[in-house]
Structures are given as structure tokens and as C-alpha cells.
Amino acid sequence: MARIIAVGNVKSDGTIFNSTPGITIDTRGAYAGEMYKVNLPHGLIYHDNYIIQLTQELVDDGDQDHWFTAIGYLYRSKNGFHVGIIRGNNGQYIRGNWSFTLLDL
């Protein structure tokens, strides 16, 4: 049975509004400009083969248009991973509120 390792909710600016203690979000050291880097505390994860589940809120660009978006991760390691939200009409990374769950089998 899967074991929950960590959970969290992240605001579009990278601020955590609740999560497993010790997790931090960096918006400057991420793979691309509008992505997020999730930093996991030492000892939380013992291998690189954990499961990442991501969910995002609908993203409003101010025009009352809710474009199709996709959320995904890159570079999973024991130390963390990078998260990007991509706007469907132009393929650009954008900011938005999102949440995560990390599982171990």
C-alpha cells in the first residue's frame, strides 16, 4: 500500500500556505523563469523513485478567459523536483496556485 510522504499547497508566487514541515519552494532556482523548485528536507525521501501527484487551480489571466493548462514536473531527486504550469494556447510557463502529494510504495 502507498505511504504518503508529504503534501502541500502552493500559491502562485511560490508561498506555501500549508505543507509537510521543512519543504520550501524556490522560484529563482527553477529550470525556467515561471517554474517552481520544490526543496525537500534531508532524510524525508530515501530514493528517487517516489510518486509525485500534482493538481492545479484554474488559472485566470485577467481576461476572464480560463485557458487549458497542464501541470508537470522535471528532475525528480531525493532533494526535490521542479514544477511547471504550461498555458495551452501558447506553450508558455505561467504561474498559478497548485498542490502536491508525494507517495512511496
N, C-alpha and C. Protein backbone atom coordinates (compact mmCIF):
# COMPACT_ATOMS: atom_id res chain seq x y z
N MET A 1 0.84 -1.18 0.00
CA MET A 1 0.00 0.00 0.00
C MET A 1 0.89 1.24 0.00
N ALA A 2 0.44 2.26 -0.72
CA ALA A 2 1.21 3.50 -0.81
C ALA A 2 1.22 4.24 0.53
N ARG A 3 2.36 4.86 0.81
CA ARG A 3 2.52 5.67 2.03
C ARG A 3 2.68 7.13 1.62
N ILE A 4 1.91 8.02 2.23
CA ILE A 4 2.04 9.45 1.95
C ILE A 4 3.30 9.97 2.63
N ILE A 5 4.19 10.56 1.84
CA ILE A 5 5.44 11.11 2.35
C ILE A 5 5.26 12.58 2.71
N ALA A 6 4.62 13.32 1.82
CA ALA A 6 4.49 14.77 2.02
C ALA A 6 3.30 15.29 1.21
N VAL A 7 2.76 16.43 1.67
CA VAL A 7 1.68 17.12 0.96
C VAL A 7 1.92 18.62 1.08
N GLY A 8 1.33 19.39 0.17
CA GLY A 8 1.46 20.83 0.28
C GLY A 8 0.58 21.58 -0.70
N ASN A 9 0.28 22.82 -0.35
CA ASN A 9 -0.44 23.76 -1.21
C ASN A 9 0.45 24.96 -1.42
N VAL A 10 0.57 25.40 -2.68
CA VAL A 10 1.49 26.47 -3.04
C VAL A 10 0.73 27.57 -3.77
N LYS A 11 0.97 28.82 -3.37
CA LYS A 11 0.37 29.96 -4.06
C LYS A 11 1.18 30.27 -5.31
N SER A 12 0.59 31.04 -6.20
CA SER A 12 1.24 31.34 -7.48
C SER A 12 2.60 32.03 -7.33
N ASP A 13 2.80 32.78 -6.24
CA ASP A 13 4.08 33.46 -6.04
C ASP A 13 5.14 32.56 -5.39
N GLY A 14 4.80 31.30 -5.13
CA GLY A 14 5.74 30.36 -4.52
C GLY A 14 5.61 30.25 -3.02
N THR A 15 4.72 31.01 -2.42
CA THR A 15 4.49 30.94 -0.98
C THR A 15 3.72 29.66 -0.65
N ILE A 16 4.18 28.95 0.36
CA ILE A 16 3.48 27.75 0.81
C ILE A 16 2.42 28.18 1.81
N PHE A 17 1.15 27.76 1.59
CA PHE A 17 0.16 28.09 2.60
C PHE A 17 -0.20 26.91 3.47
N ASN A 18 0.28 25.75 3.21
CA ASN A 18 0.37 24.64 4.16
C ASN A 18 1.12 23.49 3.50
N SER A 19 1.93 22.80 4.28
CA SER A 19 2.68 21.67 3.73
C SER A 19 3.31 20.88 4.86
N THR A 20 3.88 19.75 4.50
CA THR A 20 4.69 18.98 5.42
C THR A 20 5.86 19.87 5.87
N PRO A 21 6.19 19.90 7.17
CA PRO A 21 7.27 20.77 7.65
C PRO A 21 8.60 20.52 6.94
N GLY A 22 9.33 21.60 6.71
CA GLY A 22 10.67 21.53 6.12
C GLY A 22 10.72 21.72 4.62
N ILE A 23 9.59 21.65 3.94
CA ILE A 23 9.57 21.83 2.48
C ILE A 23 9.61 23.31 2.16
N THR A 24 10.42 23.68 1.18
CA THR A 24 10.49 25.06 0.72
C THR A 24 10.29 25.11 -0.79
N ILE A 25 9.87 26.27 -1.27
CA ILE A 25 9.67 26.49 -2.70
C ILE A 25 10.57 27.64 -3.14
N ASP A 26 11.29 27.43 -4.23
CA ASP A 26 12.17 28.45 -4.78
C ASP A 26 11.69 28.79 -6.19
N THR A 27 11.46 30.06 -6.45
CA THR A 27 11.04 30.47 -7.79
C THR A 27 12.21 31.01 -8.61
N ARG A 28 13.36 31.17 -8.00
CA ARG A 28 14.52 31.71 -8.73
C ARG A 28 15.45 30.63 -9.25
N GLY A 29 15.54 29.51 -8.58
CA GLY A 29 16.48 28.47 -8.98
C GLY A 29 15.85 27.37 -9.81
N ALA A 30 14.66 27.63 -10.34
CA ALA A 30 13.95 26.61 -11.11
C ALA A 30 14.48 26.52 -12.54
N TYR A 31 14.10 25.48 -13.22
CA TYR A 31 14.55 25.19 -14.59
C TYR A 31 14.26 26.34 -15.55
N ALA A 32 13.07 26.93 -15.47
CA ALA A 32 12.69 28.05 -16.35
C ALA A 32 12.10 29.16 -15.49
N GLY A 33 11.99 30.34 -16.06
CA GLY A 33 11.61 31.53 -15.33
C GLY A 33 10.32 31.48 -14.55
N GLU A 34 9.28 30.86 -15.07
CA GLU A 34 8.00 30.85 -14.38
C GLU A 34 7.72 29.51 -13.69
N MET A 35 8.76 28.70 -13.49
CA MET A 35 8.60 27.41 -12.83
C MET A 35 8.90 27.52 -11.34
N TYR A 36 8.68 26.44 -10.63
CA TYR A 36 8.91 26.35 -9.20
C TYR A 36 9.88 25.21 -8.92
N LYS A 37 10.76 25.40 -7.94
CA LYS A 37 11.63 24.32 -7.48
C LYS A 37 11.20 23.94 -6.07
N VAL A 38 10.82 22.69 -5.89
CA VAL A 38 10.40 22.19 -4.58
C VAL A 38 11.62 21.57 -3.92
N ASN A 39 11.99 22.08 -2.75
CA ASN A 39 13.14 21.58 -2.00
C ASN A 39 12.63 20.74 -0.84
N LEU A 40 13.09 19.48 -0.78
CA LEU A 40 12.67 18.57 0.28
C LEU A 40 13.73 18.51 1.37
N PRO A 41 13.32 18.43 2.62
CA PRO A 41 14.31 18.37 3.71
C PRO A 41 15.09 17.05 3.67
N HIS A 42 16.33 17.11 4.11
CA HIS A 42 17.21 15.94 4.15
C HIS A 42 16.55 14.84 4.98
N GLY A 43 16.54 13.63 4.44
CA GLY A 43 16.00 12.48 5.16
C GLY A 43 14.52 12.21 4.96
N LEU A 44 13.81 13.11 4.30
CA LEU A 44 12.38 12.89 4.05
C LEU A 44 12.17 11.77 3.04
N ILE A 45 13.02 11.72 2.02
CA ILE A 45 12.92 10.74 0.94
C ILE A 45 14.22 9.95 0.90
N TYR A 46 14.12 8.63 0.73
CA TYR A 46 15.32 7.79 0.75
C TYR A 46 15.75 7.30 -0.63
N HIS A 47 14.94 7.58 -1.66
CA HIS A 47 15.30 7.16 -3.02
C HIS A 47 14.62 8.11 -4.01
N ASP A 48 14.98 7.98 -5.29
CA ASP A 48 14.45 8.89 -6.32
C ASP A 48 13.20 8.36 -7.01
N ASN A 49 12.66 7.25 -6.55
CA ASN A 49 11.56 6.60 -7.26
C ASN A 49 10.21 6.81 -6.55
N TYR A 50 10.00 7.96 -5.96
CA TYR A 50 8.72 8.25 -5.32
C TYR A 50 7.72 8.79 -6.35
N ILE A 51 6.46 8.80 -6.01
CA ILE A 51 5.40 9.23 -6.91
C ILE A 51 5.01 10.67 -6.59
N ILE A 52 4.92 11.50 -7.61
CA ILE A 52 4.51 12.90 -7.46
C ILE A 52 3.14 13.07 -8.10
N GLN A 53 2.17 13.51 -7.31
CA GLN A 53 0.85 13.85 -7.84
C GLN A 53 0.69 15.36 -7.74
N LEU A 54 0.34 16.00 -8.84
CA LEU A 54 0.18 17.46 -8.89
C LEU A 54 -1.24 17.82 -9.31
N THR A 55 -1.76 18.88 -8.71
CA THR A 55 -3.08 19.40 -9.05
C THR A 55 -2.97 20.91 -9.08
N GLN A 56 -3.65 21.54 -10.02
CA GLN A 56 -3.62 22.99 -10.11
C GLN A 56 -5.02 23.57 -10.08
N GLU A 57 -5.10 24.80 -9.61
CA GLU A 57 -6.36 25.53 -9.71
C GLU A 57 -6.48 26.07 -11.12
N LEU A 58 -7.69 26.39 -11.52
CA LEU A 58 -7.90 27.05 -12.80
C LEU A 58 -7.13 28.36 -12.81
N VAL A 59 -6.48 28.68 -13.90
CA VAL A 59 -5.67 29.90 -13.99
C VAL A 59 -6.43 30.94 -14.80
N ASP A 60 -6.64 32.11 -14.20
CA ASP A 60 -7.32 33.22 -14.87
C ASP A 60 -6.27 34.26 -15.22
N ASP A 61 -6.17 34.61 -16.50
CA ASP A 61 -5.15 35.57 -16.92
C ASP A 61 -5.64 37.02 -16.84
N GLY A 62 -6.79 37.25 -16.22
CA GLY A 62 -7.29 38.61 -16.08
C GLY A 62 -8.34 38.98 -17.11
N ASP A 63 -8.47 38.19 -18.16
CA ASP A 63 -9.45 38.48 -19.23
C ASP A 63 -10.74 37.67 -19.03
N GLN A 64 -10.86 37.02 -17.89
CA GLN A 64 -11.96 36.10 -17.64
C GLN A 64 -11.90 34.88 -18.55
N ASP A 65 -10.76 34.69 -19.19
CA ASP A 65 -10.56 33.50 -20.03
C ASP A 65 -9.82 32.46 -19.20
N HIS A 66 -10.37 31.30 -19.12
CA HIS A 66 -9.72 30.21 -18.40
C HIS A 66 -9.17 29.24 -19.45
N TRP A 67 -7.91 29.44 -19.80
CA TRP A 67 -7.27 28.65 -20.84
C TRP A 67 -6.95 27.26 -20.31
N PHE A 68 -6.90 26.31 -21.22
CA PHE A 68 -6.43 24.98 -20.88
C PHE A 68 -4.98 25.08 -20.41
N THR A 69 -4.68 24.47 -19.30
CA THR A 69 -3.30 24.43 -18.81
C THR A 69 -2.96 23.00 -18.42
N ALA A 70 -1.68 22.74 -18.32
CA ALA A 70 -1.18 21.44 -17.89
C ALA A 70 -0.11 21.67 -16.83
N ILE A 71 -0.02 20.77 -15.88
CA ILE A 71 1.00 20.86 -14.84
C ILE A 71 1.85 19.60 -14.88
N GLY A 72 3.14 19.76 -14.67
CA GLY A 72 4.04 18.61 -14.70
C GLY A 72 5.30 18.89 -13.91
N TYR A 73 6.14 17.86 -13.78
CA TYR A 73 7.39 18.01 -13.03
C TYR A 73 8.58 17.56 -13.86
N LEU A 74 9.75 18.06 -13.46
CA LEU A 74 11.03 17.69 -14.06
C LEU A 74 12.03 17.39 -12.95
N TYR A 75 13.05 16.63 -13.25
CA TYR A 75 14.22 16.46 -12.39
C TYR A 75 13.89 15.98 -10.98
N ARG A 76 13.14 14.91 -10.86
CA ARG A 76 12.83 14.32 -9.55
C ARG A 76 14.10 13.74 -8.93
N SER A 77 14.37 14.09 -7.67
CA SER A 77 15.50 13.54 -6.93
C SER A 77 15.13 13.48 -5.45
N LYS A 78 16.03 12.93 -4.63
CA LYS A 78 15.80 12.90 -3.18
C LYS A 78 15.73 14.29 -2.60
N ASN A 79 16.32 15.26 -3.27
CA ASN A 79 16.37 16.63 -2.76
C ASN A 79 15.18 17.48 -3.20
N GLY A 80 14.41 17.02 -4.20
CA GLY A 80 13.27 17.79 -4.65
C GLY A 80 12.98 17.60 -6.14
N PHE A 81 12.22 18.53 -6.70
CA PHE A 81 11.82 18.46 -8.10
C PHE A 81 11.37 19.84 -8.55
N HIS A 82 11.23 20.01 -9.87
CA HIS A 82 10.78 21.27 -10.46
C HIS A 82 9.36 21.09 -10.98
N VAL A 83 8.53 22.13 -10.85
CA VAL A 83 7.13 22.07 -11.29
C VAL A 83 6.88 23.20 -12.28
N GLY A 84 6.18 22.88 -13.36
CA GLY A 84 5.80 23.89 -14.33
C GLY A 84 4.34 23.78 -14.70
N ILE A 85 3.69 24.93 -14.87
CA ILE A 85 2.32 25.00 -15.37
C ILE A 85 2.42 25.62 -16.76
N ILE A 86 1.89 24.95 -17.76
CA ILE A 86 2.00 25.40 -19.14
C ILE A 86 0.63 25.83 -19.65
N ARG A 87 0.59 27.01 -20.23
CA ARG A 87 -0.65 27.51 -20.82
C ARG A 87 -0.82 26.88 -22.19
N GLY A 88 -1.99 26.32 -22.42
CA GLY A 88 -2.24 25.52 -23.62
C GLY A 88 -2.26 26.27 -24.93
N ASN A 89 -2.61 27.56 -24.92
CA ASN A 89 -2.73 28.25 -26.20
C ASN A 89 -1.39 28.74 -26.74
N ASN A 90 -0.35 28.79 -25.88
CA ASN A 90 0.94 29.26 -26.40
C ASN A 90 2.14 28.47 -25.88
N GLY A 91 1.93 27.51 -25.00
CA GLY A 91 3.02 26.66 -24.51
C GLY A 91 3.98 27.34 -23.56
N GLN A 92 3.63 28.51 -23.06
CA GLN A 92 4.50 29.24 -22.13
C GLN A 92 4.23 28.81 -20.70
N TYR A 93 5.29 28.80 -19.87
CA TYR A 93 5.11 28.55 -18.45
C TYR A 93 4.44 29.76 -17.82
N ILE A 94 3.47 29.51 -16.94
CA ILE A 94 2.77 30.57 -16.24
C ILE A 94 2.73 30.24 -14.75
N ARG A 95 2.31 31.20 -13.96
CA ARG A 95 2.18 31.00 -12.52
C ARG A 95 0.73 30.73 -12.16
N GLY A 96 0.53 29.92 -11.14
CA GLY A 96 -0.81 29.61 -10.65
C GLY A 96 -0.72 28.85 -9.34
N ASN A 97 -1.82 28.78 -8.61
CA ASN A 97 -1.88 28.01 -7.37
C ASN A 97 -1.91 26.52 -7.70
N TRP A 98 -1.22 25.71 -6.89
CA TRP A 98 -1.17 24.27 -7.13
C TRP A 98 -0.90 23.52 -5.84
N SER A 99 -1.11 22.23 -5.89
CA SER A 99 -0.87 21.39 -4.72
C SER A 99 -0.15 20.11 -5.14
N PHE A 100 0.46 19.45 -4.16
CA PHE A 100 1.20 18.23 -4.44
C PHE A 100 1.01 17.20 -3.34
N THR A 101 1.16 15.94 -3.73
CA THR A 101 1.21 14.81 -2.80
C THR A 101 2.36 13.93 -3.26
N LEU A 102 3.21 13.52 -2.33
CA LEU A 102 4.31 12.61 -2.63
C LEU A 102 4.02 11.27 -1.96
N LEU A 103 4.13 10.21 -2.73
CA LEU A 103 3.83 8.86 -2.25
C LEU A 103 5.02 7.94 -2.42
N ASP A 104 5.12 6.95 -1.54
CA ASP A 104 6.14 5.91 -1.64
C ASP A 104 5.43 4.57 -1.59
N LEU A 105 5.90 3.63 -2.38
CA LEU A 105 5.27 2.30 -2.39
C LEU A 105 6.05 1.32 -1.54
